[in-house]
């Protein structure tokens, strides 16, 4: 899976390519939103205003709005059972 982080005016965009299924990313984001995931620190979660998933299998984007840094999100991605895979 290819993973790229981009700073935006609203927060961050994560672009995922290669072997990525949109349904898995939607499930991961839903778990994050509902507090079922512990990849992201509570401090980082509080900084997020929204998380949206778009795209299709093989090319999925996650848009994060909030006062967050690429380092915070990279750390959370490394802990994710889905995104932490190389």
N, C-alpha and C. Protein backbone atom coordinates (compact mmCIF):
# COMPACT_ATOMS: atom_id res chain seq x y z
N UNK A 1 0.84 -1.17 0.00
CA UNK A 1 0.00 0.00 0.00
C UNK A 1 0.89 1.25 0.00
N UNK A 2 0.58 2.15 -0.89
CA UNK A 2 1.29 3.43 -0.94
C UNK A 2 0.56 4.42 -0.04
N UNK A 3 1.32 5.18 0.77
CA UNK A 3 0.74 6.15 1.71
C UNK A 3 1.45 7.48 1.56
N UNK A 4 0.67 8.53 1.32
CA UNK A 4 1.23 9.86 1.20
C UNK A 4 0.41 10.83 2.04
N UNK A 5 1.09 11.70 2.77
CA UNK A 5 0.44 12.73 3.59
C UNK A 5 0.71 14.10 2.98
N UNK A 6 -0.34 14.90 2.91
CA UNK A 6 -0.22 16.26 2.38
C UNK A 6 -0.88 17.23 3.35
N UNK A 7 -0.17 18.30 3.70
CA UNK A 7 -0.76 19.37 4.51
C UNK A 7 -1.71 20.15 3.61
N UNK A 8 -2.91 20.48 4.11
CA UNK A 8 -3.87 21.30 3.38
C UNK A 8 -4.19 22.54 4.21
N UNK A 9 -4.94 23.44 3.64
CA UNK A 9 -5.31 24.65 4.38
C UNK A 9 -6.25 24.32 5.54
N UNK A 10 -6.94 23.18 5.47
CA UNK A 10 -7.88 22.77 6.51
C UNK A 10 -7.33 21.73 7.47
N UNK A 11 -6.22 21.09 7.10
CA UNK A 11 -5.66 20.03 7.94
C UNK A 11 -4.69 19.17 7.15
N UNK A 12 -5.09 17.89 6.92
CA UNK A 12 -4.24 16.95 6.19
C UNK A 12 -5.06 16.11 5.24
N UNK A 13 -4.40 15.63 4.18
CA UNK A 13 -4.99 14.65 3.28
C UNK A 13 -4.05 13.45 3.28
N UNK A 14 -4.63 12.27 3.42
CA UNK A 14 -3.87 11.02 3.30
C UNK A 14 -4.33 10.37 2.01
N UNK A 15 -3.40 10.13 1.09
CA UNK A 15 -3.71 9.45 -0.16
C UNK A 15 -3.13 8.04 -0.08
N UNK A 16 -4.01 7.07 -0.31
CA UNK A 16 -3.62 5.66 -0.25
C UNK A 16 -3.79 5.06 -1.63
N UNK A 17 -2.79 4.32 -2.08
CA UNK A 17 -2.86 3.68 -3.38
C UNK A 17 -2.39 2.25 -3.32
N UNK A 18 -2.54 1.57 -4.42
CA UNK A 18 -2.11 0.17 -4.49
C UNK A 18 -3.17 -0.76 -3.91
N UNK A 19 -2.73 -1.67 -3.06
CA UNK A 19 -3.62 -2.68 -2.48
C UNK A 19 -4.41 -2.09 -1.31
N UNK A 20 -5.39 -1.27 -1.61
CA UNK A 20 -6.22 -0.67 -0.57
C UNK A 20 -7.69 -0.79 -0.97
N UNK A 21 -8.51 -1.24 -0.03
CA UNK A 21 -9.95 -1.37 -0.27
C UNK A 21 -10.67 -0.25 0.49
N UNK A 22 -11.51 0.47 -0.23
CA UNK A 22 -12.21 1.60 0.37
C UNK A 22 -13.03 1.16 1.58
N UNK A 23 -13.71 0.00 1.50
CA UNK A 23 -14.55 -0.45 2.61
C UNK A 23 -13.73 -0.63 3.89
N UNK A 24 -12.47 -1.08 3.78
CA UNK A 24 -11.62 -1.24 4.96
C UNK A 24 -11.27 0.11 5.57
N UNK A 25 -11.03 1.10 4.72
CA UNK A 25 -10.68 2.44 5.20
C UNK A 25 -11.90 3.09 5.85
N UNK A 26 -13.08 2.92 5.25
CA UNK A 26 -14.32 3.46 5.84
C UNK A 26 -14.54 2.84 7.22
N UNK A 27 -14.35 1.52 7.34
CA UNK A 27 -14.51 0.83 8.63
C UNK A 27 -13.50 1.37 9.65
N UNK A 28 -12.26 1.57 9.22
CA UNK A 28 -11.23 2.09 10.11
C UNK A 28 -11.61 3.49 10.61
N UNK A 29 -12.06 4.37 9.70
CA UNK A 29 -12.43 5.73 10.08
C UNK A 29 -13.66 5.71 11.00
N UNK A 30 -14.62 4.85 10.71
CA UNK A 30 -15.80 4.73 11.59
C UNK A 30 -15.38 4.31 12.99
N UNK A 31 -14.45 3.36 13.10
CA UNK A 31 -13.94 2.94 14.41
C UNK A 31 -13.25 4.10 15.12
N UNK A 32 -12.52 4.90 14.37
CA UNK A 32 -11.83 6.05 14.95
C UNK A 32 -12.85 7.07 15.48
N UNK A 33 -13.86 7.35 14.66
CA UNK A 33 -14.89 8.33 15.04
C UNK A 33 -15.67 7.89 16.27
N UNK A 34 -15.89 6.58 16.41
CA UNK A 34 -16.71 6.07 17.52
C UNK A 34 -15.89 5.73 18.76
N UNK A 35 -14.57 5.91 18.69
CA UNK A 35 -13.72 5.64 19.84
C UNK A 35 -13.32 4.19 20.01
N UNK A 36 -13.57 3.34 19.01
CA UNK A 36 -13.22 1.92 19.09
C UNK A 36 -11.77 1.65 18.72
N UNK A 37 -11.07 2.69 18.28
CA UNK A 37 -9.68 2.55 17.85
C UNK A 37 -8.78 3.33 18.80
N UNK A 38 -7.61 2.79 19.07
CA UNK A 38 -6.69 3.47 19.97
C UNK A 38 -5.39 3.86 19.27
N UNK A 39 -5.43 3.97 17.95
CA UNK A 39 -4.24 4.34 17.17
C UNK A 39 -3.85 5.79 17.42
N UNK A 40 -4.85 6.64 17.56
CA UNK A 40 -4.62 8.07 17.70
C UNK A 40 -4.78 8.46 19.17
N UNK A 41 -3.90 9.33 19.63
CA UNK A 41 -4.01 9.78 21.02
C UNK A 41 -5.28 10.60 21.22
N UNK A 42 -5.77 10.64 22.44
CA UNK A 42 -6.96 11.43 22.74
C UNK A 42 -6.72 12.90 22.42
N UNK A 43 -5.51 13.37 22.67
CA UNK A 43 -5.16 14.76 22.38
C UNK A 43 -5.32 15.07 20.88
N UNK A 44 -4.84 14.16 20.04
CA UNK A 44 -4.97 14.34 18.59
C UNK A 44 -6.42 14.26 18.17
N UNK A 45 -7.17 13.30 18.70
CA UNK A 45 -8.59 13.16 18.36
C UNK A 45 -9.36 14.44 18.66
N UNK A 46 -9.02 15.11 19.76
CA UNK A 46 -9.72 16.33 20.14
C UNK A 46 -9.44 17.48 19.17
N UNK A 47 -8.32 17.41 18.46
CA UNK A 47 -7.97 18.45 17.50
C UNK A 47 -8.71 18.30 16.17
N UNK A 48 -9.26 17.12 15.91
CA UNK A 48 -9.94 16.85 14.64
C UNK A 48 -11.37 17.39 14.64
N UNK A 49 -11.72 18.07 13.56
CA UNK A 49 -13.10 18.54 13.39
C UNK A 49 -13.89 17.54 12.54
N UNK A 50 -13.23 16.92 11.56
CA UNK A 50 -13.90 15.94 10.72
C UNK A 50 -12.90 15.03 10.03
N UNK A 51 -13.39 13.85 9.66
CA UNK A 51 -12.61 12.89 8.88
C UNK A 51 -13.55 12.37 7.79
N UNK A 52 -13.15 12.50 6.54
CA UNK A 52 -13.96 12.05 5.41
C UNK A 52 -13.15 11.15 4.50
N UNK A 53 -13.81 10.10 3.99
CA UNK A 53 -13.16 9.15 3.08
C UNK A 53 -13.78 9.33 1.68
N UNK A 54 -12.91 9.33 0.66
CA UNK A 54 -13.40 9.40 -0.71
C UNK A 54 -12.53 8.53 -1.60
N UNK A 55 -12.94 8.37 -2.84
CA UNK A 55 -12.17 7.57 -3.79
C UNK A 55 -12.77 6.20 -4.01
N UNK A 56 -11.93 5.28 -4.43
CA UNK A 56 -12.36 3.92 -4.75
C UNK A 56 -11.23 2.96 -4.44
N UNK A 57 -11.52 1.66 -4.52
CA UNK A 57 -10.48 0.66 -4.28
C UNK A 57 -9.24 0.98 -5.12
N UNK A 58 -8.09 0.96 -4.50
CA UNK A 58 -6.84 1.24 -5.19
C UNK A 58 -6.41 2.70 -5.15
N UNK A 59 -7.36 3.59 -4.81
CA UNK A 59 -7.04 5.04 -4.74
C UNK A 59 -8.02 5.69 -3.77
N UNK A 60 -7.68 5.67 -2.48
CA UNK A 60 -8.56 6.18 -1.44
C UNK A 60 -7.91 7.39 -0.78
N UNK A 61 -8.71 8.42 -0.55
CA UNK A 61 -8.24 9.62 0.16
C UNK A 61 -8.97 9.75 1.48
N UNK A 62 -8.24 10.18 2.49
CA UNK A 62 -8.83 10.51 3.79
C UNK A 62 -8.52 11.98 4.04
N UNK A 63 -9.56 12.79 4.17
CA UNK A 63 -9.39 14.21 4.45
C UNK A 63 -9.65 14.46 5.93
N UNK A 64 -8.68 15.03 6.60
CA UNK A 64 -8.78 15.33 8.03
C UNK A 64 -8.78 16.84 8.20
N UNK A 65 -9.81 17.35 8.86
CA UNK A 65 -9.86 18.78 9.16
C UNK A 65 -9.54 18.98 10.63
N UNK A 66 -8.67 19.94 10.90
CA UNK A 66 -8.33 20.24 12.28
C UNK A 66 -6.91 20.77 12.37
N UNK A 67 -6.54 21.15 13.57
CA UNK A 67 -5.22 21.71 13.84
C UNK A 67 -4.28 20.57 14.19
N UNK A 68 -3.94 19.75 13.18
CA UNK A 68 -3.13 18.56 13.38
C UNK A 68 -1.87 18.64 12.53
N UNK A 69 -0.87 17.87 12.94
CA UNK A 69 0.38 17.84 12.19
C UNK A 69 0.54 16.50 11.48
N UNK A 70 1.36 16.51 10.45
CA UNK A 70 1.66 15.27 9.74
C UNK A 70 2.32 14.26 10.68
N UNK A 71 3.13 14.74 11.63
CA UNK A 71 3.81 13.84 12.57
C UNK A 71 2.80 13.10 13.45
N UNK A 72 1.77 13.82 13.92
CA UNK A 72 0.75 13.18 14.76
C UNK A 72 0.02 12.09 13.99
N UNK A 73 -0.33 12.39 12.76
CA UNK A 73 -1.08 11.43 11.96
C UNK A 73 -0.19 10.28 11.52
N UNK A 74 1.06 10.54 11.19
CA UNK A 74 1.99 9.47 10.83
C UNK A 74 2.16 8.49 11.98
N UNK A 75 2.22 9.01 13.22
CA UNK A 75 2.34 8.15 14.40
C UNK A 75 1.10 7.28 14.55
N UNK A 76 -0.07 7.86 14.34
CA UNK A 76 -1.32 7.09 14.43
C UNK A 76 -1.38 6.04 13.33
N UNK A 77 -0.97 6.41 12.12
CA UNK A 77 -0.97 5.46 11.01
C UNK A 77 -0.07 4.27 11.29
N UNK A 78 1.06 4.51 11.92
CA UNK A 78 2.00 3.43 12.23
C UNK A 78 1.40 2.42 13.20
N UNK A 79 0.48 2.87 14.06
CA UNK A 79 -0.17 1.97 15.04
C UNK A 79 -1.38 1.26 14.46
N UNK A 80 -1.89 1.72 13.34
CA UNK A 80 -3.11 1.17 12.75
C UNK A 80 -2.88 -0.23 12.20
N UNK A 81 -3.79 -1.18 12.50
CA UNK A 81 -3.65 -2.52 11.94
C UNK A 81 -3.83 -2.52 10.41
N UNK A 82 -4.51 -1.53 9.87
CA UNK A 82 -4.73 -1.46 8.42
C UNK A 82 -3.64 -0.62 7.77
N UNK A 83 -3.40 0.59 8.26
CA UNK A 83 -2.43 1.49 7.64
C UNK A 83 -0.99 1.23 8.05
N UNK A 84 -0.80 0.52 9.15
CA UNK A 84 0.56 0.25 9.63
C UNK A 84 1.27 -0.82 8.84
N UNK A 85 0.55 -1.50 7.96
CA UNK A 85 1.15 -2.55 7.14
C UNK A 85 2.07 -1.92 6.10
N UNK A 86 3.15 -2.57 5.82
CA UNK A 86 4.07 -2.06 4.79
C UNK A 86 3.76 -2.66 3.44
